[in-house]
Structure formats: structure tokens, C-alpha cells
Amino acid sequence: MKRIVVKVGSHVISEENTLSFERLKNLVAFLQTHRKI
């Protein structure tokens, strides 16, 4: 799980430095809700 987050996170950051944080927050929230199921 952690590996995926780091991979996607670094990809997002390298893509766009401005929206990276917002995207990362959305990704974390999505993973957290997905993990509960």
C-alpha cells in the first residue's frame, strides 16, 4: 500500500507542483475510505 502511495505521490509532485498537494490529499482520503471497506 505504502509503495503505491509513494509512487503516485512522487508522480503527481513531479507533474505539477501547484496541484500536487491537493491531489495528494484527495488520494490519501480515497485510500483511507477504500481501506475501511
PDB file of N, CA and C in Angstrom:
ATOM      1  N   MET A   1       0.838  -1.204   0.000  1.00  0.00           N
ATOM      2  CA  MET A   1       0.000   0.000   0.000  1.00  0.00           C
ATOM      3  C   MET A   1       0.872   1.252   0.000  1.00  0.00           C
ATOM      4  N   LYS A   2       1.851   1.280   0.899  1.00  0.00           N
ATOM      5  CA  LYS A   2       2.723   2.459   1.012  1.00  0.00           C
ATOM      6  C   LYS A   2       3.474   2.716  -0.285  1.00  0.00           C
ATOM      7  N   ARG A   3       3.912   1.658  -0.917  1.00  0.00           N
ATOM      8  CA  ARG A   3       4.684   1.794  -2.150  1.00  0.00           C
ATOM      9  C   ARG A   3       3.866   2.522  -3.218  1.00  0.00           C
ATOM     10  N   ILE A   4       2.584   2.148  -3.322  1.00  0.00           N
ATOM     11  CA  ILE A   4       1.702   2.762  -4.323  1.00  0.00           C
ATOM     12  C   ILE A   4       1.547   4.247  -4.032  1.00  0.00           C
ATOM     13  N   VAL A   5       1.326   4.580  -2.770  1.00  0.00           N
ATOM     14  CA  VAL A   5       1.128   5.985  -2.394  1.00  0.00           C
ATOM     15  C   VAL A   5       2.362   6.805  -2.747  1.00  0.00           C
ATOM     16  N   VAL A   6       3.528   6.269  -2.416  1.00  0.00           N
ATOM     17  CA  VAL A   6       4.777   6.990  -2.704  1.00  0.00           C
ATOM     18  C   VAL A   6       4.956   7.152  -4.206  1.00  0.00           C
ATOM     19  N   LYS A   7       4.673   6.096  -4.953  1.00  0.00           N
ATOM     20  CA  LYS A   7       4.830   6.140  -6.412  1.00  0.00           C
ATOM     21  C   LYS A   7       3.922   7.206  -7.007  1.00  0.00           C
ATOM     22  N   VAL A   8       2.639   7.118  -6.679  1.00  0.00           N
ATOM     23  CA  VAL A   8       1.670   8.072  -7.221  1.00  0.00           C
ATOM     24  C   VAL A   8       1.970   9.477  -6.716  1.00  0.00           C
ATOM     25  N   GLY A   9       2.316   9.584  -5.436  1.00  0.00           N
ATOM     26  CA  GLY A   9       2.605  10.895  -4.858  1.00  0.00           C
ATOM     27  C   GLY A   9       3.762  11.576  -5.563  1.00  0.00           C
ATOM     28  N   SER A  10       4.857  10.838  -5.756  1.00  0.00           N
ATOM     29  CA  SER A  10       6.026  11.423  -6.416  1.00  0.00           C
ATOM     30  C   SER A  10       5.698  11.780  -7.860  1.00  0.00           C
ATOM     31  N   HIS A  11       4.867  10.964  -8.506  1.00  0.00           N
ATOM     32  CA  HIS A  11       4.479  11.224  -9.891  1.00  0.00           C
ATOM     33  C   HIS A  11       3.677  12.516  -9.976  1.00  0.00           C
ATOM     34  N   VAL A  12       2.748  12.686  -9.048  1.00  0.00           N
ATOM     35  CA  VAL A  12       1.918  13.889  -9.030  1.00  0.00           C
ATOM     36  C   VAL A  12       2.780  15.122  -8.776  1.00  0.00           C
ATOM     37  N   ILE A  13       3.693  14.991  -7.807  1.00  0.00           N
ATOM     38  CA  ILE A  13       4.554  16.132  -7.466  1.00  0.00           C
ATOM     39  C   ILE A  13       5.431  16.511  -8.661  1.00  0.00           C
ATOM     40  N   SER A  14       5.959  15.520  -9.355  1.00  0.00           N
ATOM     41  CA  SER A  14       6.831  15.803 -10.493  1.00  0.00           C
ATOM     42  C   SER A  14       6.022  16.382 -11.655  1.00  0.00           C
ATOM     43  N   GLU A  15       4.748  16.007 -11.753  1.00  0.00           N
ATOM     44  CA  GLU A  15       3.896  16.504 -12.838  1.00  0.00           C
ATOM     45  C   GLU A  15       3.578  17.977 -12.640  1.00  0.00           C
ATOM     46  N   GLU A  16       2.903  18.295 -11.529  1.00  0.00           N
ATOM     47  CA  GLU A  16       2.510  19.680 -11.267  1.00  0.00           C
ATOM     48  C   GLU A  16       2.772  19.991  -9.801  1.00  0.00           C
ATOM     49  N   ASN A  17       3.619  20.959  -9.560  1.00  0.00           N
ATOM     50  CA  ASN A  17       3.989  21.276  -8.191  1.00  0.00           C
ATOM     51  C   ASN A  17       2.883  22.045  -7.482  1.00  0.00           C
ATOM     52  N   THR A  18       1.993  22.678  -8.253  1.00  0.00           N
ATOM     53  CA  THR A  18       0.965  23.513  -7.641  1.00  0.00           C
ATOM     54  C   THR A  18      -0.197  22.665  -7.116  1.00  0.00           C
ATOM     55  N   LEU A  19      -0.698  21.764  -7.952  1.00  0.00           N
ATOM     56  CA  LEU A  19      -1.877  20.992  -7.569  1.00  0.00           C
ATOM     57  C   LEU A  19      -1.501  19.667  -6.909  1.00  0.00           C
ATOM     58  N   SER A  20      -0.206  19.452  -6.725  1.00  0.00           N
ATOM     59  CA  SER A  20       0.244  18.168  -6.187  1.00  0.00           C
ATOM     60  C   SER A  20      -0.321  17.929  -4.788  1.00  0.00           C
ATOM     61  N   PHE A  21      -0.295  18.977  -3.955  1.00  0.00           N
ATOM     62  CA  PHE A  21      -0.743  18.808  -2.577  1.00  0.00           C
ATOM     63  C   PHE A  21      -2.231  18.489  -2.536  1.00  0.00           C
ATOM     64  N   GLU A  22      -3.028  19.187  -3.331  1.00  0.00           N
ATOM     65  CA  GLU A  22      -4.473  18.922  -3.360  1.00  0.00           C
ATOM     66  C   GLU A  22      -4.738  17.502  -3.849  1.00  0.00           C
ATOM     67  N   ARG A  23      -4.042  17.112  -4.892  1.00  0.00           N
ATOM     68  CA  ARG A  23      -4.224  15.761  -5.436  1.00  0.00           C
ATOM     69  C   ARG A  23      -3.805  14.715  -4.418  1.00  0.00           C
ATOM     70  N   LEU A  24      -2.700  14.989  -3.739  1.00  0.00           N
ATOM     71  CA  LEU A  24      -2.199  14.042  -2.747  1.00  0.00           C
ATOM     72  C   LEU A  24      -3.203  13.891  -1.611  1.00  0.00           C
ATOM     73  N   LYS A  25      -3.797  15.004  -1.180  1.00  0.00           N
ATOM     74  CA  LYS A  25      -4.802  14.947  -0.113  1.00  0.00           C
ATOM     75  C   LYS A  25      -6.000  14.118  -0.557  1.00  0.00           C
ATOM     76  N   ASN A  26      -6.433  14.331  -1.805  1.00  0.00           N
ATOM     77  CA  ASN A  26      -7.559  13.562  -2.328  1.00  0.00           C
ATOM     78  C   ASN A  26      -7.204  12.082  -2.411  1.00  0.00           C
ATOM     79  N   LEU A  27      -5.985  11.804  -2.824  1.00  0.00           N
ATOM     80  CA  LEU A  27      -5.544  10.417  -2.948  1.00  0.00           C
ATOM     81  C   LEU A  27      -5.526   9.734  -1.588  1.00  0.00           C
ATOM     82  N   VAL A  28      -4.987  10.431  -0.586  1.00  0.00           N
ATOM     83  CA  VAL A  28      -4.926   9.869   0.767  1.00  0.00           C
ATOM     84  C   VAL A  28      -6.332   9.626   1.301  1.00  0.00           C
ATOM     85  N   ALA A  29      -7.225  10.587   1.095  1.00  0.00           N
ATOM     86  CA  ALA A  29      -8.602  10.439   1.563  1.00  0.00           C
ATOM     87  C   ALA A  29      -9.262   9.250   0.874  1.00  0.00           C
ATOM     88  N   PHE A  30      -9.020   9.099  -0.415  1.00  0.00           N
ATOM     89  CA  PHE A  30      -9.599   7.988  -1.169  1.00  0.00           C
ATOM     90  C   PHE A  30      -9.078   6.651  -0.652  1.00  0.00           C
ATOM     91  N   LEU A  31      -7.775   6.589  -0.414  1.00  0.00           N
ATOM     92  CA  LEU A  31      -7.185   5.338   0.076  1.00  0.00           C
ATOM     93  C   LEU A  31      -7.702   5.004   1.466  1.00  0.00           C
ATOM     94  N   GLN A  32      -7.873   6.018   2.301  1.00  0.00           N
ATOM     95  CA  GLN A  32      -8.357   5.785   3.663  1.00  0.00           C
ATOM     96  C   GLN A  32      -9.780   5.230   3.630  1.00  0.00           C
ATOM     97  N   THR A  33     -10.641   5.814   2.815  1.00  0.00           N
ATOM     98  CA  THR A  33     -12.018   5.335   2.727  1.00  0.00           C
ATOM     99  C   THR A  33     -12.048   3.952   2.086  1.00  0.00           C
ATOM    100  N   HIS A  34     -11.162   3.713   1.132  1.00  0.00           N
ATOM    101  CA  HIS A  34     -11.113   2.424   0.455  1.00  0.00           C
ATOM    102  C   HIS A  34     -10.602   1.342   1.397  1.00  0.00           C
ATOM    103  N   ARG A  35      -9.723   1.732   2.302  1.00  0.00           N
ATOM    104  CA  ARG A  35      -9.128   0.770   3.226  1.00  0.00           C
ATOM    105  C   ARG A  35     -10.157   0.286   4.235  1.00  0.00           C
ATOM    106  N   LYS A  36     -11.103   1.148   4.584  1.00  0.00           N
ATOM    107  CA  LYS A  36     -12.111   0.787   5.586  1.00  0.00           C
ATOM    108  C   LYS A  36     -13.041  -0.302   5.065  1.00  0.00           C
ATOM    109  N   ILE A  37     -13.295  -0.287   3.772  1.00  0.00           N
ATOM    110  CA  ILE A  37     -14.246  -1.242   3.191  1.00  0.00           C
ATOM    111  C   ILE A  37     -13.677  -2.661   3.244  1.00  0.00           C
TER     112      ILE A  37
END
